[in-house]
Amino acid sequence: MTATHDQRPAETTLDFLRSAFPPEWREPALGHEAVAEWEEENRVVLPEPYRTFVAEISNGSSLGPAGDGGLQPLGWLPDTWPQLGPRQPGEPFPLKVAWIWEDDESVAPEAPDPRIDAAFNKGSIVLGSEDGPSFWLLLTTGPRRGEVWMVADVGAIPAPGDQAWGFEEWVRRWHSGNDWWD
């Protein structure tokens, strides 16, 4: 595996996550053994507090934070996910900074680009989709591990900017009712 286990989240963090997702909207938690098996299969250790959330609280929820269908269960993909090759959560996430490829002259508009495919498929799990072709990712590898990014047909950016949120902050922003980019 490419990362060591993070320290268990504080109980206040877990209490907040429990309160943000009412029990009637939660999918059953996977348990630590199933999470460890998924991590072994995918050669990655999930960042906290997401790891404990999926193991102990909920493996997805049809109630937010992602606008289109809620929080995806671990390893699932939204229906609108582009078919750009296999998901590889344990491989290095290829970006360190935002990249808007629609403005990048090195990207051929009509040709497949392996750099774009890597931004979609390597070093992350998909948390959910927003407004169709935009997707929330939780980075699982690299120097920005644990951050939430948005990837879409035009580019990939840390959310809400270079000082990206972690999973808890992302859920807090959704739970507060504020717009993502305010």
Protein backbone atom coordinates (compact mmCIF):
# COMPACT_ATOMS: atom_id res chain seq x y z
CA MET A 1 0.00 0.00 0.00
CA THR A 2 1.15 3.51 -0.71
CA ALA A 3 0.25 5.23 2.57
CA THR A 4 0.12 4.42 6.24
CA HIS A 5 -3.03 4.57 8.33
CA ASP A 6 -3.84 8.07 9.51
CA GLN A 7 -4.65 8.61 13.16
CA ARG A 8 -8.26 7.89 14.08
CA PRO A 9 -10.38 11.06 13.84
CA ALA A 10 -11.45 12.89 16.99
CA GLU A 11 -14.84 11.87 18.39
CA THR A 12 -16.07 15.43 17.76
CA THR A 13 -15.39 14.92 14.03
CA LEU A 14 -17.22 11.57 14.03
CA ASP A 15 -20.11 13.06 16.04
CA PHE A 16 -20.45 15.84 13.46
CA LEU A 17 -20.43 13.33 10.57
CA ARG A 18 -23.09 11.23 12.32
CA SER A 19 -25.26 14.33 12.79
CA ALA A 20 -24.80 15.48 9.18
CA PHE A 21 -26.16 12.20 7.81
CA PRO A 22 -29.39 11.18 9.56
CA PRO A 23 -29.62 7.40 10.05
CA GLU A 24 -32.59 7.04 7.70
CA TRP A 25 -30.46 8.41 4.83
CA ARG A 26 -27.35 6.31 5.48
CA GLU A 27 -26.28 3.20 3.64
CA PRO A 28 -24.95 0.54 6.02
CA ALA A 29 -21.35 1.06 7.11
CA LEU A 30 -18.89 -1.45 5.66
CA GLY A 31 -16.98 -2.29 8.83
CA HIS A 32 -13.21 -2.06 9.24
CA GLU A 33 -12.52 -5.51 7.78
CA ALA A 34 -14.33 -4.76 4.49
CA VAL A 35 -12.62 -1.35 4.22
CA ALA A 36 -9.22 -3.00 4.76
CA GLU A 37 -10.03 -5.58 2.06
CA TRP A 38 -11.03 -2.80 -0.38
CA GLU A 39 -7.80 -0.94 0.44
CA GLU A 40 -5.71 -4.07 -0.10
CA GLU A 41 -7.40 -4.77 -3.43
CA ASN A 42 -6.87 -1.15 -4.56
CA ARG A 43 -3.37 -0.77 -3.07
CA VAL A 44 -4.22 2.35 -1.08
CA VAL A 45 -5.16 3.44 2.43
CA LEU A 46 -8.14 5.79 2.52
CA PRO A 47 -7.59 9.17 4.20
CA GLU A 48 -9.25 9.94 7.50
CA PRO A 49 -11.91 10.81 8.50
CA TYR A 50 -13.45 9.32 5.36
CA ARG A 51 -11.99 5.88 6.17
CA THR A 52 -13.65 5.70 9.59
CA PHE A 53 -16.86 7.27 8.22
CA VAL A 54 -17.25 4.46 5.66
CA ALA A 55 -16.25 1.76 8.15
CA GLU A 56 -18.38 2.90 11.11
CA ILE A 57 -21.04 5.43 10.06
CA SER A 58 -22.21 5.14 6.47
CA ASN A 59 -21.08 3.79 3.11
CA GLY A 60 -22.79 6.53 1.14
CA SER A 61 -26.00 8.48 1.48
CA SER A 62 -28.65 9.59 -0.98
CA LEU A 63 -28.79 12.82 1.02
CA GLY A 64 -25.93 15.15 -0.12
CA PRO A 65 -23.26 16.44 -0.20
CA ALA A 66 -22.95 15.82 -3.94
CA GLY A 67 -25.90 17.42 -5.72
CA ASP A 68 -26.71 14.58 -8.11
CA GLY A 69 -27.54 11.49 -6.08
CA GLY A 70 -25.73 12.20 -2.83
CA LEU A 71 -22.57 10.63 -1.48
CA GLN A 72 -21.50 7.59 -3.52
CA PRO A 73 -20.71 4.32 -1.75
CA LEU A 74 -17.01 3.45 -1.69
CA GLY A 75 -15.81 2.45 -5.16
CA TRP A 76 -19.07 3.28 -6.93
CA LEU A 77 -19.29 5.67 -9.87
CA PRO A 78 -22.10 8.06 -10.81
CA ASP A 79 -24.11 7.16 -13.92
CA THR A 80 -22.60 10.14 -15.76
CA TRP A 81 -18.98 9.09 -15.10
CA PRO A 82 -16.96 9.12 -18.36
CA GLN A 83 -15.47 5.84 -19.50
CA LEU A 84 -11.79 6.79 -19.62
CA GLY A 85 -10.23 3.54 -18.51
CA PRO A 86 -9.94 1.65 -15.23
CA ARG A 87 -10.06 3.41 -11.85
CA GLN A 88 -6.71 3.19 -10.02
CA PRO A 89 -7.09 4.73 -6.54
CA GLY A 90 -3.63 3.53 -5.45
CA GLU A 91 -1.73 5.12 -8.34
CA PRO A 92 -0.33 8.65 -7.91
CA PHE A 93 -2.80 11.48 -8.48
CA PRO A 94 -1.18 13.35 -11.39
CA LEU A 95 -1.84 16.97 -10.39
CA LYS A 96 -0.42 19.26 -7.71
CA VAL A 97 -2.26 22.38 -8.87
CA ALA A 98 -5.45 23.13 -10.76
CA TRP A 99 -5.38 22.37 -14.48
CA ILE A 100 -7.99 23.76 -16.87
CA TRP A 101 -7.26 21.66 -19.93
CA GLU A 102 -9.83 23.36 -22.11
CA ASP A 103 -7.52 26.44 -22.00
CA ASP A 104 -4.30 24.43 -22.44
CA GLU A 105 -2.93 24.63 -25.99
CA SER A 106 -1.00 21.37 -25.49
CA VAL A 107 -4.29 19.45 -25.33
CA ALA A 108 -5.60 18.36 -28.74
CA PRO A 109 -9.36 19.01 -28.67
CA GLU A 110 -10.38 15.88 -30.60
CA ALA A 111 -7.75 13.40 -29.42
CA PRO A 112 -7.72 11.34 -26.22
CA ASP A 113 -5.21 12.70 -23.71
CA PRO A 114 -3.68 10.28 -21.17
CA ARG A 115 -3.06 13.21 -18.77
CA ILE A 116 -6.81 13.90 -18.61
CA ASP A 117 -7.60 10.20 -18.20
CA ALA A 118 -5.14 10.09 -15.28
CA ALA A 119 -6.79 13.09 -13.59
CA PHE A 120 -10.09 11.24 -13.69
CA ASN A 121 -8.85 7.77 -12.76
CA LYS A 122 -5.68 7.81 -10.67
CA GLY A 123 -5.16 8.54 -7.00
CA SER A 124 -8.72 9.27 -5.96
CA ILE A 125 -12.13 7.92 -5.12
CA VAL A 126 -15.32 9.47 -6.48
CA LEU A 127 -17.50 11.06 -3.79
CA GLY A 128 -20.31 12.01 -6.19
CA SER A 129 -21.40 14.17 -9.10
CA GLU A 130 -22.58 17.74 -9.36
CA ASP A 131 -24.58 19.20 -12.26
CA GLY A 132 -24.01 16.24 -14.57
CA PRO A 133 -20.45 16.17 -15.87
CA SER A 134 -18.69 17.48 -12.74
CA PHE A 135 -17.42 15.09 -10.07
CA TRP A 136 -16.18 15.41 -6.50
CA LEU A 137 -12.98 13.42 -5.87
CA LEU A 138 -11.24 12.61 -2.59
CA LEU A 139 -7.52 12.30 -3.31
CA THR A 140 -6.03 9.08 -1.95
CA THR A 141 -2.38 9.52 -2.96
CA GLY A 142 0.26 12.15 -3.47
CA PRO A 143 1.13 15.43 -1.76
CA ARG A 144 -2.51 16.57 -1.82
CA ARG A 145 -3.85 13.32 -0.33
CA GLY A 146 -7.01 13.85 1.71
CA GLU A 147 -8.17 16.89 -0.28
CA VAL A 148 -11.45 17.21 -2.16
CA TRP A 149 -11.14 18.23 -5.82
CA MET A 150 -13.64 18.71 -8.61
CA VAL A 151 -12.95 17.20 -12.03
CA ALA A 152 -15.07 17.94 -15.09
CA ASP A 153 -14.87 17.89 -18.86
CA VAL A 154 -12.97 21.22 -18.78
CA GLY A 155 -10.40 20.61 -16.03
CA ALA A 156 -9.60 19.66 -12.44
CA ILE A 157 -9.39 22.01 -9.45
CA PRO A 158 -9.01 21.77 -5.68
CA ALA A 159 -12.25 22.79 -3.96
CA PRO A 160 -12.89 25.60 -3.23
CA GLY A 161 -9.43 26.82 -4.29
CA ASP A 162 -5.78 26.11 -3.68
CA GLN A 163 -6.44 25.67 0.07
CA ALA A 164 -8.69 22.68 -0.57
CA TRP A 165 -11.11 21.17 1.90
CA GLY A 166 -10.68 17.73 3.40
CA PHE A 167 -13.66 15.38 3.66
CA GLU A 168 -14.90 16.83 6.96
CA GLU A 169 -14.70 20.43 5.71
CA TRP A 170 -16.48 19.45 2.48
CA VAL A 171 -19.33 17.89 4.46
CA ARG A 172 -19.46 20.92 6.79
CA ARG A 173 -19.77 23.28 3.82
CA TRP A 174 -22.64 21.25 2.39
CA HIS A 175 -24.30 20.91 5.79
CA SER A 176 -24.13 24.71 6.36
CA GLY A 177 -26.31 25.26 3.28
CA ASN A 178 -23.82 27.69 1.72
CA ASP A 179 -22.99 27.62 -1.97
CA TRP A 180 -19.83 25.63 -2.75
CA TRP A 181 -17.88 28.54 -4.20
CA ASP A 182 -18.89 31.46 -1.90
